[in-house]
Amino acid sequence: MSYDIRLLDPATRETIMLPEKHDIQGGTYAIGGTREAWLNVTYNYAKIFYRVMGEKGIRTIYGMTGLEKSIDQLGFDTDPDYWKATDGNARQALMGLLQLAMMRPDGIWDGD
């Protein structure tokens, strides 16, 4: 189980297509990159997102822009196993989403 999180165009509500391909990786990813402003994030991080973001967890960002406040609350304890639920791994997932947001700061988060 995972979250497919997309950055939507505020006018059309369609997934934003970036001008260049990106290689931001999550639980699944497009080999060779993709222009879609999209990232798959494992559900293994759910407890961490609920702790940091409240009762909606990662879904708190849906309909919003930005992620910096949540990222600042997470530690740096990464593990080479992407699937391991650590603050650092969850932080890396949010950093990937933030990179997409920096490419299109007007975008609105949506997913599931």
N, C-alpha and C. Protein backbone atom coordinates (compact mmCIF):
# COMPACT_ATOMS: atom_id res chain seq x y z
N MET A 1 0.84 -1.17 0.00
CA MET A 1 0.00 0.00 0.00
C MET A 1 0.89 1.24 0.00
N SER A 2 0.42 2.27 -0.67
CA SER A 2 1.23 3.48 -0.78
C SER A 2 0.34 4.66 -1.15
N TYR A 3 0.95 5.83 -1.15
CA TYR A 3 0.28 7.05 -1.57
C TYR A 3 0.87 7.47 -2.91
N ASP A 4 0.03 7.73 -3.89
CA ASP A 4 0.47 8.34 -5.15
C ASP A 4 0.13 9.81 -5.03
N ILE A 5 1.15 10.63 -4.85
CA ILE A 5 0.94 12.05 -4.58
C ILE A 5 1.34 12.85 -5.82
N ARG A 6 0.43 13.70 -6.24
CA ARG A 6 0.63 14.48 -7.46
C ARG A 6 0.51 15.97 -7.16
N LEU A 7 1.20 16.74 -7.94
CA LEU A 7 1.09 18.19 -7.89
C LEU A 7 0.18 18.60 -9.04
N LEU A 8 -0.93 19.25 -8.72
CA LEU A 8 -1.93 19.59 -9.72
C LEU A 8 -1.84 21.04 -10.14
N ASP A 9 -2.15 21.29 -11.41
CA ASP A 9 -2.28 22.65 -11.91
C ASP A 9 -3.49 23.27 -11.22
N PRO A 10 -3.33 24.47 -10.64
CA PRO A 10 -4.44 25.06 -9.89
C PRO A 10 -5.66 25.40 -10.76
N ALA A 11 -5.46 25.62 -12.04
CA ALA A 11 -6.57 25.99 -12.92
C ALA A 11 -7.28 24.75 -13.49
N THR A 12 -6.51 23.80 -14.00
CA THR A 12 -7.11 22.64 -14.68
C THR A 12 -7.33 21.45 -13.76
N ARG A 13 -6.64 21.42 -12.61
CA ARG A 13 -6.65 20.29 -11.67
C ARG A 13 -6.09 19.01 -12.29
N GLU A 14 -5.31 19.16 -13.35
CA GLU A 14 -4.62 18.04 -13.99
C GLU A 14 -3.22 17.93 -13.38
N THR A 15 -2.64 16.72 -13.44
CA THR A 15 -1.26 16.54 -12.98
C THR A 15 -0.35 17.44 -13.80
N ILE A 16 0.50 18.18 -13.13
CA ILE A 16 1.42 19.09 -13.81
C ILE A 16 2.46 18.27 -14.57
N MET A 17 2.70 18.67 -15.81
CA MET A 17 3.77 18.10 -16.62
C MET A 17 4.92 19.11 -16.61
N LEU A 18 6.04 18.67 -16.08
CA LEU A 18 7.21 19.54 -15.96
C LEU A 18 7.92 19.67 -17.30
N PRO A 19 8.67 20.74 -17.51
CA PRO A 19 9.36 20.92 -18.79
C PRO A 19 10.49 19.92 -19.00
N GLU A 20 11.06 19.41 -17.91
CA GLU A 20 12.17 18.45 -17.99
C GLU A 20 11.82 17.21 -17.17
N LYS A 21 12.40 16.09 -17.53
CA LYS A 21 12.21 14.86 -16.75
C LYS A 21 12.92 14.98 -15.40
N HIS A 22 12.36 14.32 -14.39
CA HIS A 22 13.02 14.23 -13.09
C HIS A 22 13.18 12.75 -12.72
N ASP A 23 14.13 12.47 -11.84
CA ASP A 23 14.41 11.11 -11.39
C ASP A 23 14.17 10.97 -9.88
N ILE A 24 13.23 11.73 -9.33
CA ILE A 24 12.93 11.64 -7.91
C ILE A 24 12.26 10.28 -7.68
N GLN A 25 12.83 9.50 -6.76
CA GLN A 25 12.35 8.13 -6.57
C GLN A 25 11.65 7.94 -5.24
N GLY A 26 10.60 7.15 -5.27
CA GLY A 26 9.87 6.76 -4.08
C GLY A 26 9.71 5.25 -4.08
N GLY A 27 8.54 4.76 -3.64
CA GLY A 27 8.28 3.32 -3.60
C GLY A 27 8.25 2.72 -4.99
N THR A 28 7.71 3.45 -5.94
CA THR A 28 7.79 3.10 -7.36
C THR A 28 8.25 4.37 -8.07
N TYR A 29 8.77 4.20 -9.25
CA TYR A 29 9.25 5.36 -9.99
C TYR A 29 9.39 4.98 -11.46
N ALA A 30 9.49 5.99 -12.30
CA ALA A 30 9.62 5.79 -13.73
C ALA A 30 11.09 5.65 -14.10
N ILE A 31 11.46 4.50 -14.61
CA ILE A 31 12.84 4.29 -15.06
C ILE A 31 13.09 5.23 -16.23
N GLY A 32 14.16 5.97 -16.16
CA GLY A 32 14.47 6.95 -17.20
C GLY A 32 13.86 8.31 -16.91
N GLY A 33 13.14 8.41 -15.78
CA GLY A 33 12.55 9.68 -15.37
C GLY A 33 11.17 9.89 -15.94
N THR A 34 10.54 10.95 -15.49
CA THR A 34 9.20 11.32 -15.94
C THR A 34 9.05 12.83 -15.87
N ARG A 35 8.17 13.36 -16.69
CA ARG A 35 7.85 14.78 -16.63
C ARG A 35 6.70 15.05 -15.67
N GLU A 36 6.01 13.99 -15.22
CA GLU A 36 4.89 14.16 -14.31
C GLU A 36 5.37 14.62 -12.93
N ALA A 37 4.65 15.56 -12.34
CA ALA A 37 4.94 16.01 -10.97
C ALA A 37 4.24 15.03 -10.03
N TRP A 38 4.85 13.88 -9.84
CA TRP A 38 4.25 12.75 -9.14
C TRP A 38 5.31 12.01 -8.35
N LEU A 39 4.92 11.50 -7.19
CA LEU A 39 5.82 10.66 -6.39
C LEU A 39 5.00 9.65 -5.62
N ASN A 40 5.45 8.40 -5.62
CA ASN A 40 4.84 7.34 -4.84
C ASN A 40 5.58 7.26 -3.50
N VAL A 41 4.83 7.28 -2.39
CA VAL A 41 5.40 7.24 -1.05
C VAL A 41 4.81 6.05 -0.31
N THR A 42 5.67 5.22 0.28
CA THR A 42 5.21 4.03 0.98
C THR A 42 4.33 4.36 2.18
N TYR A 43 3.33 3.53 2.41
CA TYR A 43 2.46 3.67 3.57
C TYR A 43 3.21 3.33 4.86
N ASN A 44 4.38 2.70 4.75
CA ASN A 44 5.17 2.37 5.94
C ASN A 44 5.50 3.61 6.76
N TYR A 45 5.50 4.78 6.15
CA TYR A 45 5.83 6.01 6.86
C TYR A 45 4.60 6.66 7.50
N ALA A 46 3.43 6.04 7.37
CA ALA A 46 2.17 6.64 7.82
C ALA A 46 2.22 7.10 9.27
N LYS A 47 2.71 6.25 10.19
CA LYS A 47 2.74 6.63 11.61
C LYS A 47 3.58 7.88 11.83
N ILE A 48 4.65 8.00 11.09
CA ILE A 48 5.51 9.18 11.21
C ILE A 48 4.76 10.41 10.71
N PHE A 49 4.09 10.29 9.56
CA PHE A 49 3.34 11.42 9.02
C PHE A 49 2.20 11.82 9.96
N TYR A 50 1.51 10.84 10.57
CA TYR A 50 0.45 11.17 11.54
C TYR A 50 1.03 11.90 12.74
N ARG A 51 2.19 11.47 13.21
CA ARG A 51 2.82 12.12 14.36
C ARG A 51 3.18 13.57 14.06
N VAL A 52 3.71 13.81 12.87
CA VAL A 52 4.21 15.13 12.50
C VAL A 52 3.11 16.04 11.94
N MET A 53 2.18 15.46 11.19
CA MET A 53 1.19 16.27 10.47
C MET A 53 -0.21 16.24 11.07
N GLY A 54 -0.44 15.38 12.04
CA GLY A 54 -1.76 15.32 12.67
C GLY A 54 -2.63 14.20 12.15
N GLU A 55 -3.93 14.29 12.44
CA GLU A 55 -4.85 13.17 12.22
C GLU A 55 -5.04 12.75 10.76
N LYS A 56 -4.71 13.60 9.82
CA LYS A 56 -4.82 13.24 8.40
C LYS A 56 -3.50 12.71 7.84
N GLY A 57 -2.43 12.79 8.59
CA GLY A 57 -1.14 12.33 8.10
C GLY A 57 -0.71 13.06 6.85
N ILE A 58 -0.16 12.31 5.88
CA ILE A 58 0.33 12.92 4.64
C ILE A 58 -0.81 13.59 3.87
N ARG A 59 -2.03 13.13 4.07
CA ARG A 59 -3.17 13.73 3.37
C ARG A 59 -3.42 15.18 3.79
N THR A 60 -2.78 15.61 4.87
CA THR A 60 -2.88 17.00 5.31
C THR A 60 -2.46 17.96 4.20
N ILE A 61 -1.51 17.55 3.36
CA ILE A 61 -1.01 18.46 2.32
C ILE A 61 -1.95 18.57 1.13
N TYR A 62 -2.91 17.64 0.99
CA TYR A 62 -3.80 17.67 -0.16
C TYR A 62 -4.57 18.99 -0.18
N GLY A 63 -4.53 19.67 -1.30
CA GLY A 63 -5.18 20.96 -1.44
C GLY A 63 -4.30 22.13 -1.03
N MET A 64 -3.07 21.84 -0.61
CA MET A 64 -2.16 22.88 -0.12
C MET A 64 -0.93 22.99 -1.01
N THR A 65 -0.08 23.94 -0.67
CA THR A 65 1.24 24.06 -1.28
C THR A 65 2.26 24.03 -0.16
N GLY A 66 3.51 23.69 -0.46
CA GLY A 66 4.59 23.73 0.52
C GLY A 66 4.62 22.55 1.48
N LEU A 67 5.80 22.30 2.09
CA LEU A 67 6.00 21.18 3.02
C LEU A 67 7.04 21.46 4.09
N GLU A 68 7.63 22.64 4.05
CA GLU A 68 8.79 22.91 4.89
C GLU A 68 8.55 22.69 6.38
N LYS A 69 7.38 23.07 6.89
CA LYS A 69 7.10 22.95 8.32
C LYS A 69 7.18 21.49 8.76
N SER A 70 6.62 20.58 7.99
CA SER A 70 6.65 19.16 8.34
C SER A 70 8.06 18.59 8.24
N ILE A 71 8.78 18.98 7.21
CA ILE A 71 10.14 18.48 7.01
C ILE A 71 11.02 18.87 8.20
N ASP A 72 10.85 20.09 8.68
CA ASP A 72 11.67 20.56 9.80
C ASP A 72 11.47 19.77 11.08
N GLN A 73 10.35 19.05 11.20
CA GLN A 73 10.06 18.28 12.41
C GLN A 73 10.64 16.87 12.37
N LEU A 74 11.22 16.46 11.25
CA LEU A 74 11.73 15.10 11.10
C LEU A 74 13.24 15.04 11.26
N GLY A 75 13.70 13.92 11.80
CA GLY A 75 15.13 13.70 11.98
C GLY A 75 15.80 13.26 10.69
N PHE A 76 17.06 12.89 10.81
CA PHE A 76 17.89 12.55 9.65
C PHE A 76 18.30 11.08 9.65
N ASP A 77 17.66 10.23 10.44
CA ASP A 77 18.06 8.83 10.59
C ASP A 77 17.59 7.98 9.40
N THR A 78 18.26 8.12 8.28
CA THR A 78 17.90 7.36 7.09
C THR A 78 18.41 5.93 7.21
N ASP A 79 17.81 5.07 6.43
CA ASP A 79 18.21 3.68 6.35
C ASP A 79 18.29 3.34 4.87
N PRO A 80 19.26 2.53 4.45
CA PRO A 80 19.35 2.18 3.02
C PRO A 80 18.10 1.44 2.52
N ASP A 81 17.36 0.82 3.44
CA ASP A 81 16.12 0.14 3.09
C ASP A 81 15.00 1.18 3.01
N TYR A 82 14.62 1.56 1.79
CA TYR A 82 13.58 2.58 1.58
C TYR A 82 12.34 2.29 2.40
N TRP A 83 11.98 1.02 2.53
CA TRP A 83 10.73 0.60 3.15
C TRP A 83 10.75 0.73 4.68
N LYS A 84 11.91 0.89 5.28
CA LYS A 84 12.00 0.99 6.74
C LYS A 84 11.46 2.35 7.19
N ALA A 85 10.54 2.32 8.15
CA ALA A 85 9.89 3.55 8.62
C ALA A 85 10.77 4.28 9.63
N THR A 86 11.61 5.19 9.12
CA THR A 86 12.42 6.05 9.99
C THR A 86 12.08 7.49 9.66
N ASP A 87 12.34 8.38 10.61
CA ASP A 87 12.12 9.81 10.34
C ASP A 87 12.91 10.25 9.12
N GLY A 88 14.14 9.79 9.01
CA GLY A 88 14.99 10.20 7.89
C GLY A 88 14.46 9.75 6.55
N ASN A 89 13.95 8.51 6.47
CA ASN A 89 13.38 8.02 5.22
C ASN A 89 12.11 8.80 4.87
N ALA A 90 11.27 9.06 5.87
CA ALA A 90 10.06 9.86 5.63
C ALA A 90 10.44 11.27 5.20
N ARG A 91 11.49 11.80 5.82
CA ARG A 91 11.99 13.14 5.46
C ARG A 91 12.43 13.16 3.99
N GLN A 92 13.13 12.12 3.56
CA GLN A 92 13.58 12.07 2.16
C GLN A 92 12.39 12.05 1.20
N ALA A 93 11.32 11.33 1.57
CA ALA A 93 10.13 11.31 0.71
C ALA A 93 9.54 12.72 0.61
N LEU A 94 9.43 13.41 1.74
CA LEU A 94 8.91 14.78 1.70
C LEU A 94 9.85 15.72 0.95
N MET A 95 11.15 15.49 1.05
CA MET A 95 12.11 16.31 0.30
C MET A 95 11.90 16.12 -1.21
N GLY A 96 11.61 14.89 -1.63
CA GLY A 96 11.31 14.64 -3.04
C GLY A 96 10.08 15.41 -3.49
N LEU A 97 9.05 15.39 -2.64
CA LEU A 97 7.84 16.16 -2.96
C LEU A 97 8.15 17.66 -3.01
N LEU A 98 8.97 18.13 -2.08
CA LEU A 98 9.34 19.54 -2.05
C LEU A 98 10.10 19.93 -3.33
N GLN A 99 10.95 19.04 -3.83
CA GLN A 99 11.65 19.32 -5.08
C GLN A 99 10.66 19.54 -6.22
N LEU A 100 9.59 18.71 -6.26
CA LEU A 100 8.56 18.90 -7.28
C LEU A 100 7.88 20.25 -7.09
N ALA A 101 7.57 20.59 -5.84
CA ALA A 101 6.89 21.87 -5.56
C ALA A 101 7.76 23.06 -5.95
N MET A 102 9.07 22.92 -5.81
CA MET A 102 9.96 24.02 -6.18
C MET A 102 9.97 24.24 -7.69
N MET A 103 9.72 23.16 -8.45
CA MET A 103 9.65 23.30 -9.90
C MET A 103 8.36 23.99 -10.33
N ARG A 104 7.30 23.80 -9.55
CA ARG A 104 6.00 24.43 -9.83
C ARG A 104 5.35 24.88 -8.53
N PRO A 105 5.80 25.99 -7.96
CA PRO A 105 5.29 26.43 -6.65
C PRO A 105 3.80 26.76 -6.63
N ASP A 106 3.19 26.91 -7.79
CA ASP A 106 1.75 27.19 -7.84
C ASP A 106 0.92 25.93 -7.76
N GLY A 107 1.57 24.76 -7.83
CA GLY A 107 0.84 23.50 -7.84
C GLY A 107 0.15 23.19 -6.52
N ILE A 108 -0.90 22.38 -6.60
CA ILE A 108 -1.68 21.98 -5.45
C ILE A 108 -1.54 20.48 -5.26
N TRP A 109 -1.28 20.03 -4.04
CA TRP A 109 -1.08 18.61 -3.76
C TRP A 109 -2.41 17.85 -3.77
N ASP A 110 -2.34 16.62 -4.29
CA ASP A 110 -3.48 15.71 -4.27
C ASP A 110 -2.90 14.30 -4.36
N GLY A 111 -3.69 13.32 -4.03
CA GLY A 111 -3.18 11.97 -4.15
C GLY A 111 -4.10 10.92 -3.58
N ASP A 112 -3.55 9.75 -3.46
CA ASP A 112 -4.06 8.52 -2.88
C ASP A 112 -3.96 7.43 -3.87
